[in-house]
Amino acid sequence: MIRPARVADVPALREIERAAGEPFREIGLDVVADEEPPPAAVLAAYVVAGRAWVDERSAGGTSVGTERSAGGTSIGAGLVGYLIADLVDGCAHVEQVSVLPSQRGRRIGEGLVEHLAGWARDRGLPALTLTTYRDVPWNGPYWVRLGFRELIAPGPGLRAIREHEAARGLDVWPRLAMRRELAGS
């Protein structure tokens, strides 16, 4: 079930982020796996602004709430993924979407993105945007399957995000900005 995130969820969001980063280590992107999740105060600000959502599942499925993060701590009861969004260049921007590795393939990320699309349509926004790795299978190709297309000339907000990513050392593999138009906006 997708619901708005609560401030009490913030520690679990940080642990989901840590766990979701670990598969990047397997393909040589340690810079992603080693990056700290957003600080609790930053995530709490998204929650308070109404731009953070979680997917919460009952424990009857695949043992959610008992999964361990890369650091060995238990991840919040029932939370399997989250999405935070910004407004960038007049669009709803997927700032981060993360899903527990054990839950991949269950369309959790897609559900969170579709929830954001509905939120954006309700506000008359024309599109969703994001930045991602072009060639990581669960990044660029995944987003293409969800209807996103590469932006050749991103707006000033997306250019600033890309510059910040490069300054953080994330450009060790090719990255790109993407956009998905929203019908009915």
N, C-alpha and C. Protein backbone atom coordinates (compact mmCIF):
# COMPACT_ATOMS: atom_id res chain seq x y z
N MET A 1 0.84 -1.17 0.00
CA MET A 1 0.00 0.00 0.00
C MET A 1 0.89 1.24 0.00
N ILE A 2 0.63 2.13 -0.92
CA ILE A 2 1.37 3.38 -0.96
C ILE A 2 0.63 4.39 -0.10
N ARG A 3 1.40 5.08 0.72
CA ARG A 3 0.84 6.11 1.60
C ARG A 3 1.85 7.23 1.76
N PRO A 4 1.38 8.40 2.21
CA PRO A 4 2.35 9.46 2.50
C PRO A 4 3.31 9.00 3.61
N ALA A 5 4.55 9.37 3.46
CA ALA A 5 5.54 9.04 4.49
C ALA A 5 5.26 9.88 5.73
N ARG A 6 5.66 9.35 6.86
CA ARG A 6 5.55 10.05 8.15
C ARG A 6 6.95 10.33 8.66
N VAL A 7 7.07 11.33 9.50
CA VAL A 7 8.38 11.64 10.08
C VAL A 7 8.94 10.41 10.80
N ALA A 8 8.08 9.62 11.43
CA ALA A 8 8.54 8.41 12.12
C ALA A 8 9.14 7.38 11.16
N ASP A 9 8.87 7.49 9.86
CA ASP A 9 9.42 6.57 8.85
C ASP A 9 10.85 6.91 8.46
N VAL A 10 11.31 8.11 8.78
CA VAL A 10 12.59 8.60 8.26
C VAL A 10 13.76 7.65 8.55
N PRO A 11 13.93 7.12 9.75
CA PRO A 11 15.05 6.18 9.94
C PRO A 11 14.98 4.98 9.00
N ALA A 12 13.79 4.46 8.77
CA ALA A 12 13.63 3.33 7.85
C ALA A 12 13.96 3.74 6.41
N LEU A 13 13.61 4.96 6.01
CA LEU A 13 13.93 5.42 4.66
C LEU A 13 15.45 5.43 4.45
N ARG A 14 16.16 5.89 5.46
CA ARG A 14 17.62 5.91 5.36
C ARG A 14 18.18 4.49 5.23
N GLU A 15 17.60 3.54 5.93
CA GLU A 15 18.07 2.15 5.85
C GLU A 15 17.70 1.52 4.50
N ILE A 16 16.51 1.84 3.99
CA ILE A 16 16.14 1.35 2.66
C ILE A 16 17.14 1.88 1.63
N GLU A 17 17.50 3.14 1.75
CA GLU A 17 18.46 3.75 0.83
C GLU A 17 19.81 3.03 0.89
N ARG A 18 20.27 2.75 2.09
CA ARG A 18 21.55 2.03 2.24
C ARG A 18 21.47 0.66 1.57
N ALA A 19 20.41 -0.08 1.85
CA ALA A 19 20.25 -1.42 1.27
C ALA A 19 20.15 -1.35 -0.24
N ALA A 20 19.40 -0.37 -0.76
CA ALA A 20 19.21 -0.25 -2.20
C ALA A 20 20.50 0.13 -2.92
N GLY A 21 21.44 0.74 -2.22
CA GLY A 21 22.71 1.10 -2.84
C GLY A 21 23.67 -0.07 -3.01
N GLU A 22 23.51 -1.10 -2.21
CA GLU A 22 24.47 -2.21 -2.24
C GLU A 22 24.61 -2.90 -3.60
N PRO A 23 23.53 -3.14 -4.36
CA PRO A 23 23.72 -3.78 -5.67
C PRO A 23 24.65 -3.00 -6.62
N PHE A 24 24.78 -1.70 -6.41
CA PHE A 24 25.70 -0.92 -7.25
C PHE A 24 27.15 -1.36 -7.04
N ARG A 25 27.46 -1.84 -5.85
CA ARG A 25 28.81 -2.32 -5.57
C ARG A 25 29.16 -3.50 -6.48
N GLU A 26 28.17 -4.33 -6.77
CA GLU A 26 28.39 -5.53 -7.59
C GLU A 26 28.79 -5.19 -9.03
N ILE A 27 28.47 -3.99 -9.49
CA ILE A 27 28.83 -3.60 -10.86
C ILE A 27 29.94 -2.55 -10.88
N GLY A 28 30.59 -2.35 -9.74
CA GLY A 28 31.72 -1.44 -9.69
C GLY A 28 31.39 0.00 -9.38
N LEU A 29 30.15 0.27 -8.99
CA LEU A 29 29.77 1.65 -8.64
C LEU A 29 29.76 1.81 -7.12
N ASP A 30 30.92 1.60 -6.53
CA ASP A 30 31.05 1.75 -5.08
C ASP A 30 30.69 3.16 -4.62
N VAL A 31 30.91 4.14 -5.50
CA VAL A 31 30.60 5.53 -5.13
C VAL A 31 29.12 5.67 -4.75
N VAL A 32 28.25 4.90 -5.39
CA VAL A 32 26.82 4.93 -5.07
C VAL A 32 26.57 4.15 -3.78
N ALA A 33 27.14 2.96 -3.70
CA ALA A 33 26.93 2.11 -2.52
C ALA A 33 27.46 2.77 -1.25
N ASP A 34 28.54 3.53 -1.38
CA ASP A 34 29.17 4.14 -0.21
C ASP A 34 28.56 5.49 0.17
N GLU A 35 27.74 6.05 -0.70
CA GLU A 35 27.17 7.37 -0.41
C GLU A 35 26.15 7.27 0.73
N GLU A 36 26.24 8.19 1.65
CA GLU A 36 25.30 8.24 2.76
C GLU A 36 23.91 8.64 2.25
N PRO A 37 22.86 8.07 2.82
CA PRO A 37 21.51 8.52 2.46
C PRO A 37 21.33 9.99 2.84
N PRO A 38 20.29 10.61 2.32
CA PRO A 38 20.03 12.00 2.74
C PRO A 38 19.90 12.05 4.26
N PRO A 39 20.35 13.15 4.87
CA PRO A 39 20.21 13.30 6.32
C PRO A 39 18.74 13.23 6.74
N ALA A 40 18.52 12.81 7.97
CA ALA A 40 17.16 12.68 8.49
C ALA A 40 16.39 13.98 8.35
N ALA A 41 17.04 15.11 8.60
CA ALA A 41 16.34 16.40 8.52
C ALA A 41 15.88 16.69 7.09
N VAL A 42 16.67 16.30 6.11
CA VAL A 42 16.29 16.50 4.70
C VAL A 42 15.07 15.65 4.36
N LEU A 43 15.12 14.37 4.74
CA LEU A 43 13.97 13.49 4.48
C LEU A 43 12.73 13.98 5.21
N ALA A 44 12.89 14.42 6.45
CA ALA A 44 11.74 14.94 7.21
C ALA A 44 11.14 16.16 6.53
N ALA A 45 11.97 16.98 5.90
CA ALA A 45 11.45 18.15 5.18
C ALA A 45 10.58 17.73 3.99
N TYR A 46 10.97 16.66 3.29
CA TYR A 46 10.13 16.14 2.21
C TYR A 46 8.80 15.65 2.77
N VAL A 47 8.85 14.96 3.90
CA VAL A 47 7.62 14.46 4.53
C VAL A 47 6.69 15.61 4.88
N VAL A 48 7.22 16.62 5.54
CA VAL A 48 6.41 17.77 5.97
C VAL A 48 5.84 18.51 4.76
N ALA A 49 6.61 18.57 3.68
CA ALA A 49 6.15 19.26 2.46
C ALA A 49 5.14 18.43 1.67
N GLY A 50 4.91 17.18 2.07
CA GLY A 50 3.96 16.33 1.34
C GLY A 50 4.51 15.77 0.05
N ARG A 51 5.83 15.62 -0.03
CA ARG A 51 6.46 15.11 -1.24
C ARG A 51 7.30 13.87 -0.96
N ALA A 52 6.78 13.01 -0.06
CA ALA A 52 7.45 11.74 0.25
C ALA A 52 6.38 10.68 0.45
N TRP A 53 6.60 9.52 -0.20
CA TRP A 53 5.65 8.42 -0.12
C TRP A 53 6.40 7.13 0.16
N VAL A 54 5.72 6.20 0.80
CA VAL A 54 6.30 4.88 1.07
C VAL A 54 5.37 3.81 0.57
N ASP A 55 5.95 2.64 0.29
CA ASP A 55 5.17 1.44 0.01
C ASP A 55 5.33 0.56 1.24
N GLU A 56 4.21 0.27 1.85
CA GLU A 56 4.19 -0.52 3.08
C GLU A 56 3.46 -1.82 2.80
N ARG A 57 4.11 -2.93 3.10
CA ARG A 57 3.53 -4.25 2.86
C ARG A 57 3.39 -4.97 4.20
N SER A 58 2.42 -5.86 4.27
CA SER A 58 2.26 -6.66 5.48
C SER A 58 3.35 -7.72 5.55
N ALA A 59 3.63 -8.19 6.72
CA ALA A 59 4.70 -9.17 6.91
C ALA A 59 4.34 -10.53 6.34
N GLY A 60 3.12 -10.71 5.84
CA GLY A 60 2.72 -12.00 5.28
C GLY A 60 3.40 -12.32 3.97
N GLY A 61 4.03 -11.33 3.35
CA GLY A 61 4.69 -11.55 2.07
C GLY A 61 6.07 -12.14 2.24
N THR A 62 7.09 -11.36 1.93
CA THR A 62 8.44 -11.89 1.98
C THR A 62 9.23 -11.27 3.11
N SER A 63 8.74 -11.38 4.29
CA SER A 63 9.49 -11.04 5.49
C SER A 63 9.94 -9.59 5.53
N VAL A 64 9.06 -8.67 5.17
CA VAL A 64 9.41 -7.27 5.31
C VAL A 64 9.42 -6.93 6.80
N GLY A 65 10.21 -5.95 7.15
CA GLY A 65 10.33 -5.58 8.55
C GLY A 65 11.40 -6.37 9.26
N THR A 66 11.90 -7.42 8.62
CA THR A 66 12.98 -8.19 9.22
C THR A 66 14.24 -8.11 8.37
N GLU A 67 14.16 -7.46 7.23
CA GLU A 67 15.33 -7.33 6.36
C GLU A 67 16.38 -6.49 7.08
N ARG A 68 17.62 -6.79 6.81
CA ARG A 68 18.73 -6.06 7.41
C ARG A 68 19.38 -5.16 6.38
N SER A 69 19.77 -3.99 6.83
CA SER A 69 20.48 -3.07 5.95
C SER A 69 21.91 -3.54 5.78
N ALA A 70 22.65 -2.83 4.91
CA ALA A 70 24.06 -3.16 4.70
C ALA A 70 24.83 -3.07 6.02
N GLY A 71 24.39 -2.20 6.92
CA GLY A 71 25.05 -2.04 8.21
C GLY A 71 24.59 -3.05 9.24
N GLY A 72 23.63 -3.91 8.88
CA GLY A 72 23.18 -4.95 9.78
C GLY A 72 22.01 -4.58 10.67
N THR A 73 21.50 -3.35 10.53
CA THR A 73 20.37 -2.96 11.37
C THR A 73 19.07 -3.37 10.71
N SER A 74 18.04 -3.57 11.51
CA SER A 74 16.73 -3.97 11.00
C SER A 74 16.05 -2.78 10.34
N ILE A 75 15.37 -3.05 9.23
CA ILE A 75 14.68 -1.99 8.49
C ILE A 75 13.23 -1.93 8.95
N GLY A 76 12.67 -0.72 8.99
CA GLY A 76 11.34 -0.45 9.51
C GLY A 76 10.26 -1.43 9.10
N ALA A 77 9.41 -1.74 10.03
CA ALA A 77 8.35 -2.74 9.85
C ALA A 77 7.49 -2.42 8.64
N GLY A 78 7.53 -3.30 7.65
CA GLY A 78 6.63 -3.22 6.53
C GLY A 78 7.02 -2.31 5.39
N LEU A 79 7.98 -1.42 5.58
CA LEU A 79 8.34 -0.49 4.51
C LEU A 79 9.30 -1.17 3.54
N VAL A 80 8.95 -1.15 2.26
CA VAL A 80 9.77 -1.82 1.25
C VAL A 80 10.34 -0.87 0.21
N GLY A 81 9.85 0.36 0.17
CA GLY A 81 10.35 1.33 -0.78
C GLY A 81 9.84 2.71 -0.46
N TYR A 82 10.49 3.70 -1.06
CA TYR A 82 10.05 5.08 -0.87
C TYR A 82 10.41 5.92 -2.08
N LEU A 83 9.74 7.05 -2.21
CA LEU A 83 10.01 8.03 -3.26
C LEU A 83 9.90 9.41 -2.65
N ILE A 84 10.86 10.28 -2.98
CA ILE A 84 10.78 11.69 -2.64
C ILE A 84 10.83 12.48 -3.93
N ALA A 85 10.11 13.59 -3.94
CA ALA A 85 9.99 14.38 -5.17
C ALA A 85 10.23 15.86 -4.90
N ASP A 86 10.74 16.52 -5.92
CA ASP A 86 10.92 17.97 -5.93
C ASP A 86 10.13 18.55 -7.10
N LEU A 87 10.04 19.84 -7.13
CA LEU A 87 9.53 20.55 -8.31
C LEU A 87 10.74 21.17 -9.00
N VAL A 88 10.99 20.75 -10.23
CA VAL A 88 12.16 21.20 -10.98
C VAL A 88 11.71 21.57 -12.38
N ASP A 89 12.03 22.76 -12.79
CA ASP A 89 11.69 23.23 -14.14
C ASP A 89 10.20 23.06 -14.43
N GLY A 90 9.35 23.26 -13.43
CA GLY A 90 7.90 23.18 -13.60
C GLY A 90 7.35 21.77 -13.69
N CYS A 91 8.17 20.78 -13.34
CA CYS A 91 7.75 19.37 -13.41
C CYS A 91 7.95 18.70 -12.05
N ALA A 92 7.29 17.57 -11.86
CA ALA A 92 7.52 16.75 -10.68
C ALA A 92 8.79 15.94 -10.94
N HIS A 93 9.77 16.14 -10.09
CA HIS A 93 11.08 15.51 -10.28
C HIS A 93 11.27 14.38 -9.27
N VAL A 94 11.57 13.19 -9.76
CA VAL A 94 11.87 12.05 -8.91
C VAL A 94 13.27 12.29 -8.33
N GLU A 95 13.31 12.81 -7.13
CA GLU A 95 14.60 13.06 -6.48
C GLU A 95 15.26 11.74 -6.09
N GLN A 96 14.47 10.82 -5.55
CA GLN A 96 14.99 9.51 -5.20
C GLN A 96 13.84 8.52 -5.12
N VAL A 97 14.06 7.35 -5.66
CA VAL A 97 13.15 6.23 -5.44
C VAL A 97 14.03 5.03 -5.12
N SER A 98 13.75 4.39 -4.00
CA SER A 98 14.56 3.26 -3.56
C SER A 98 13.65 2.13 -3.10
N VAL A 99 14.05 0.90 -3.43
CA VAL A 99 13.30 -0.30 -3.05
C VAL A 99 14.29 -1.30 -2.47
N LEU A 100 13.86 -1.99 -1.43
CA LEU A 100 14.72 -3.03 -0.85
C LEU A 100 15.09 -4.04 -1.93
N PRO A 101 16.36 -4.43 -2.02
CA PRO A 101 16.77 -5.40 -3.05
C PRO A 101 15.95 -6.69 -3.03
N SER A 102 15.55 -7.15 -1.87
CA SER A 102 14.77 -8.40 -1.78
C SER A 102 13.38 -8.25 -2.39
N GLN A 103 12.95 -7.02 -2.63
CA GLN A 103 11.60 -6.76 -3.14
C GLN A 103 11.60 -6.38 -4.62
N ARG A 104 12.77 -6.38 -5.25
CA ARG A 104 12.84 -6.02 -6.67
C ARG A 104 12.02 -6.98 -7.50
N GLY A 105 11.49 -6.47 -8.60
CA GLY A 105 10.70 -7.28 -9.52
C GLY A 105 9.23 -7.35 -9.13
N ARG A 106 8.84 -6.64 -8.10
CA ARG A 106 7.45 -6.67 -7.65
C ARG A 106 6.70 -5.38 -8.02
N ARG A 107 7.33 -4.57 -8.87
CA ARG A 107 6.74 -3.32 -9.38
C ARG A 107 6.48 -2.29 -8.29
N ILE A 108 7.27 -2.34 -7.24
CA ILE A 108 7.13 -1.39 -6.14
C ILE A 108 7.56 0.00 -6.59
N GLY A 109 8.73 0.08 -7.24
CA GLY A 109 9.19 1.37 -7.75
C GLY A 109 8.22 1.95 -8.76
N GLU A 110 7.73 1.10 -9.66
CA GLU A 110 6.76 1.55 -10.66
C GLU A 110 5.50 2.09 -9.98
N GLY A 111 5.03 1.40 -8.94
CA GLY A 111 3.86 1.88 -8.22
C GLY A 111 4.08 3.24 -7.59
N LEU A 112 5.26 3.44 -7.01
CA LEU A 112 5.57 4.74 -6.41
C LEU A 112 5.62 5.83 -7.48
N VAL A 113 6.21 5.51 -8.64
CA VAL A 113 6.29 6.49 -9.73
C VAL A 113 4.89 6.81 -10.25
N GLU A 114 4.04 5.81 -10.39
CA GLU A 114 2.67 6.07 -10.85
C GLU A 114 1.90 6.91 -9.83
N HIS A 115 2.17 6.69 -8.56
CA HIS A 115 1.55 7.52 -7.52
C HIS A 115 1.99 8.98 -7.70
N LEU A 116 3.28 9.18 -7.93
CA LEU A 116 3.78 10.54 -8.17
C LEU A 116 3.15 11.12 -9.43
N ALA A 117 2.96 10.32 -10.46
CA ALA A 117 2.34 10.82 -11.69
C ALA A 117 0.93 11.33 -11.39
N GLY A 118 0.17 10.60 -10.58
CA GLY A 118 -1.16 11.05 -10.21
C GLY A 118 -1.11 12.35 -9.41
N TRP A 119 -0.17 12.43 -8.49
CA TRP A 119 0.03 13.65 -7.68
C TRP A 119 0.33 14.83 -8.61
N ALA A 120 1.21 14.60 -9.59
CA ALA A 120 1.59 15.66 -10.52
C ALA A 120 0.41 16.08 -11.39
N ARG A 121 -0.34 15.11 -11.91
CA ARG A 121 -1.52 15.44 -12.73
C ARG A 121 -2.51 16.28 -11.93
N ASP A 122 -2.73 15.90 -10.67
CA ASP A 122 -3.66 16.65 -9.82
C ASP A 122 -3.24 18.10 -9.66
N ARG A 123 -1.98 18.39 -9.85
CA ARG A 123 -1.46 19.75 -9.71
C ARG A 123 -1.23 20.43 -11.06
N GLY A 124 -1.63 19.75 -12.13
CA GLY A 124 -1.50 20.33 -13.46
C GLY A 124 -0.08 20.38 -13.98
N LEU A 125 0.79 19.55 -13.45
CA LEU A 125 2.18 19.53 -13.91
C LEU A 125 2.27 18.71 -15.20
N PRO A 126 3.09 19.13 -16.14
CA PRO A 126 3.10 18.49 -17.46
C PRO A 126 3.90 17.20 -17.57
N ALA A 127 4.83 16.97 -16.62
CA ALA A 127 5.73 15.83 -16.81
C ALA A 127 6.42 15.46 -15.51
N LEU A 128 7.03 14.27 -15.55
CA LEU A 128 7.94 13.81 -14.51
C LEU A 128 9.35 13.90 -15.07
N THR A 129 10.32 14.21 -14.24
CA THR A 129 11.71 14.20 -14.66
C THR A 129 12.53 13.43 -13.63
N LEU A 130 13.75 13.09 -14.04
CA LEU A 130 14.69 12.43 -13.14
C LEU A 130 16.07 12.45 -13.77
N THR A 131 17.07 12.11 -12.99
CA THR A 131 18.41 11.87 -13.51
C THR A 131 18.80 10.47 -13.08
N THR A 132 19.61 9.80 -13.91
CA THR A 132 19.91 8.39 -13.64
C THR A 132 21.15 7.97 -14.41
N TYR A 133 21.60 6.75 -14.14
CA TYR A 133 22.68 6.14 -14.92
C TYR A 133 22.11 5.56 -16.20
N ARG A 134 22.74 5.89 -17.30
CA ARG A 134 22.27 5.45 -18.62
C ARG A 134 22.29 3.93 -18.77
N ASP A 135 23.36 3.28 -18.34
CA ASP A 135 23.57 1.88 -18.69
C ASP A 135 23.36 0.88 -17.56
N VAL A 136 23.05 1.33 -16.36
CA VAL A 136 22.78 0.40 -15.26
C VAL A 136 21.40 -0.20 -15.53
N PRO A 137 21.27 -1.53 -15.60
CA PRO A 137 20.00 -2.16 -16.02
C PRO A 137 18.78 -1.72 -15.22
N TRP A 138 18.94 -1.48 -13.94
CA TRP A 138 17.78 -1.07 -13.13
C TRP A 138 17.68 0.46 -13.05
N ASN A 139 18.39 1.14 -13.93
CA ASN A 139 18.30 2.59 -14.04
C ASN A 139 17.81 2.96 -15.44
N GLY A 140 18.71 3.41 -16.33
CA GLY A 140 18.29 3.91 -17.65
C GLY A 140 17.30 3.03 -18.38
N PRO A 141 17.61 1.76 -18.63
CA PRO A 141 16.66 0.90 -19.35
C PRO A 141 15.33 0.72 -18.61
N TYR A 142 15.38 0.69 -17.30
CA TYR A 142 14.15 0.57 -16.50
C TYR A 142 13.25 1.79 -16.73
N TRP A 143 13.85 2.97 -16.67
CA TRP A 143 13.05 4.19 -16.84
C TRP A 143 12.47 4.29 -18.24
N VAL A 144 13.19 3.81 -19.25
CA VAL A 144 12.64 3.79 -20.61
C VAL A 144 11.39 2.91 -20.63
N ARG A 145 11.44 1.76 -19.98
CA ARG A 145 10.26 0.88 -19.91
C ARG A 145 9.07 1.57 -19.24
N LEU A 146 9.35 2.53 -18.34
CA LEU A 146 8.27 3.26 -17.67
C LEU A 146 7.84 4.52 -18.43
N GLY A 147 8.34 4.68 -19.66
CA GLY A 147 7.88 5.78 -20.51
C GLY A 147 8.73 7.03 -20.47
N PHE A 148 9.88 7.01 -19.84
CA PHE A 148 10.77 8.17 -19.79
C PHE A 148 11.66 8.18 -21.03
N ARG A 149 12.02 9.38 -21.47
CA ARG A 149 12.91 9.56 -22.62
C ARG A 149 14.03 10.51 -22.23
N GLU A 150 15.18 10.30 -22.85
CA GLU A 150 16.33 11.16 -22.55
C GLU A 150 16.03 12.60 -22.97
N LEU A 151 16.43 13.51 -22.11
CA LEU A 151 16.33 14.94 -22.42
C LEU A 151 17.68 15.40 -22.98
N ILE A 152 17.68 15.83 -24.21
CA ILE A 152 18.92 16.29 -24.83
C ILE A 152 19.27 17.69 -24.33
N ALA A 153 18.27 18.52 -24.10
CA ALA A 153 18.50 19.89 -23.63
C ALA A 153 17.70 20.12 -22.34
N PRO A 154 18.20 19.62 -21.20
CA PRO A 154 17.46 19.82 -19.95
C PRO A 154 17.41 21.29 -19.56
N GLY A 155 16.38 21.64 -18.79
CA GLY A 155 16.22 23.01 -18.31
C GLY A 155 17.26 23.35 -17.25
N PRO A 156 17.24 24.59 -16.77
CA PRO A 156 18.27 25.04 -15.83
C PRO A 156 18.26 24.27 -14.50
N GLY A 157 17.11 23.87 -14.03
CA GLY A 157 17.04 23.11 -12.78
C GLY A 157 17.69 21.75 -12.91
N LEU A 158 17.38 21.04 -14.00
CA LEU A 158 18.00 19.73 -14.22
C LEU A 158 19.49 19.86 -14.50
N ARG A 159 19.90 20.90 -15.20
CA ARG A 159 21.33 21.11 -15.43
C ARG A 159 22.05 21.31 -14.09
N ALA A 160 21.43 22.06 -13.19
CA ALA A 160 22.05 22.28 -11.86
C ALA A 160 22.14 20.96 -11.08
N ILE A 161 21.13 20.13 -11.18
CA ILE A 161 21.17 18.83 -10.51
C ILE A 161 22.30 17.99 -11.08
N ARG A 162 22.43 17.97 -12.41
CA ARG A 162 23.51 17.19 -13.04
C ARG A 162 24.88 17.72 -12.62
N GLU A 163 25.02 19.04 -12.54
CA GLU A 163 26.31 19.61 -12.10
C GLU A 163 26.62 19.19 -10.67
N HIS A 164 25.62 19.18 -9.80
CA HIS A 164 25.80 18.76 -8.41
C HIS A 164 26.18 17.28 -8.34
N GLU A 165 25.55 16.46 -9.17
CA GLU A 165 25.88 15.03 -9.21
C GLU A 165 27.33 14.83 -9.64
N ALA A 166 27.75 15.56 -10.65
CA ALA A 166 29.13 15.44 -11.12
C ALA A 166 30.10 15.86 -10.02
N ALA A 167 29.78 16.93 -9.30
CA ALA A 167 30.64 17.39 -8.21
C ALA A 167 30.74 16.36 -7.09
N ARG A 168 29.71 15.54 -6.91
CA ARG A 168 29.71 14.49 -5.89
C ARG A 168 30.42 13.22 -6.38
N GLY A 169 30.91 13.22 -7.62
CA GLY A 169 31.64 12.08 -8.14
C GLY A 169 30.78 10.99 -8.73
N LEU A 170 29.52 11.29 -9.02
CA LEU A 170 28.61 10.26 -9.53
C LEU A 170 28.76 10.00 -11.02
N ASP A 171 29.55 10.80 -11.72
CA ASP A 171 29.69 10.64 -13.17
C ASP A 171 30.76 9.63 -13.57
N VAL A 172 31.05 8.67 -12.71
CA VAL A 172 32.02 7.64 -13.08
C VAL A 172 31.45 6.73 -14.16
N TRP A 173 30.15 6.67 -14.29
CA TRP A 173 29.45 6.02 -15.40
C TRP A 173 28.56 7.10 -16.03
N PRO A 174 28.22 6.94 -17.32
CA PRO A 174 27.40 7.97 -17.98
C PRO A 174 26.03 8.14 -17.30
N ARG A 175 25.67 9.41 -17.08
CA ARG A 175 24.39 9.76 -16.50
C ARG A 175 23.60 10.61 -17.49
N LEU A 176 22.29 10.67 -17.28
CA LEU A 176 21.45 11.47 -18.16
C LEU A 176 20.23 11.97 -17.40
N ALA A 177 19.61 12.99 -17.97
CA ALA A 177 18.34 13.50 -17.48
C ALA A 177 17.24 12.92 -18.37
N MET A 178 16.10 12.60 -17.75
CA MET A 178 14.99 11.99 -18.49
C MET A 178 13.68 12.69 -18.14
N ARG A 179 12.70 12.52 -19.04
CA ARG A 179 11.39 13.16 -18.87
C ARG A 179 10.31 12.22 -19.37
N ARG A 180 9.19 12.22 -18.66
CA ARG A 180 8.00 11.46 -19.08
C ARG A 180 6.82 12.43 -19.09
N GLU A 181 6.24 12.61 -20.26
CA GLU A 181 5.08 13.48 -20.38
C GLU A 181 3.89 12.85 -19.66
N LEU A 182 3.03 13.68 -19.11
CA LEU A 182 1.84 13.20 -18.42
C LEU A 182 0.60 13.55 -19.23
N ALA A 183 -0.11 12.56 -19.67
CA ALA A 183 -1.36 12.80 -20.40
C ALA A 183 -2.40 13.34 -19.44
N GLY A 184 -3.25 14.20 -19.90
CA GLY A 184 -4.35 14.71 -19.08
C GLY A 184 -3.93 15.80 -18.11
N SER A 185 -2.72 16.35 -18.27
CA SER A 185 -2.28 17.43 -17.38
C SER A 185 -2.71 18.77 -17.91
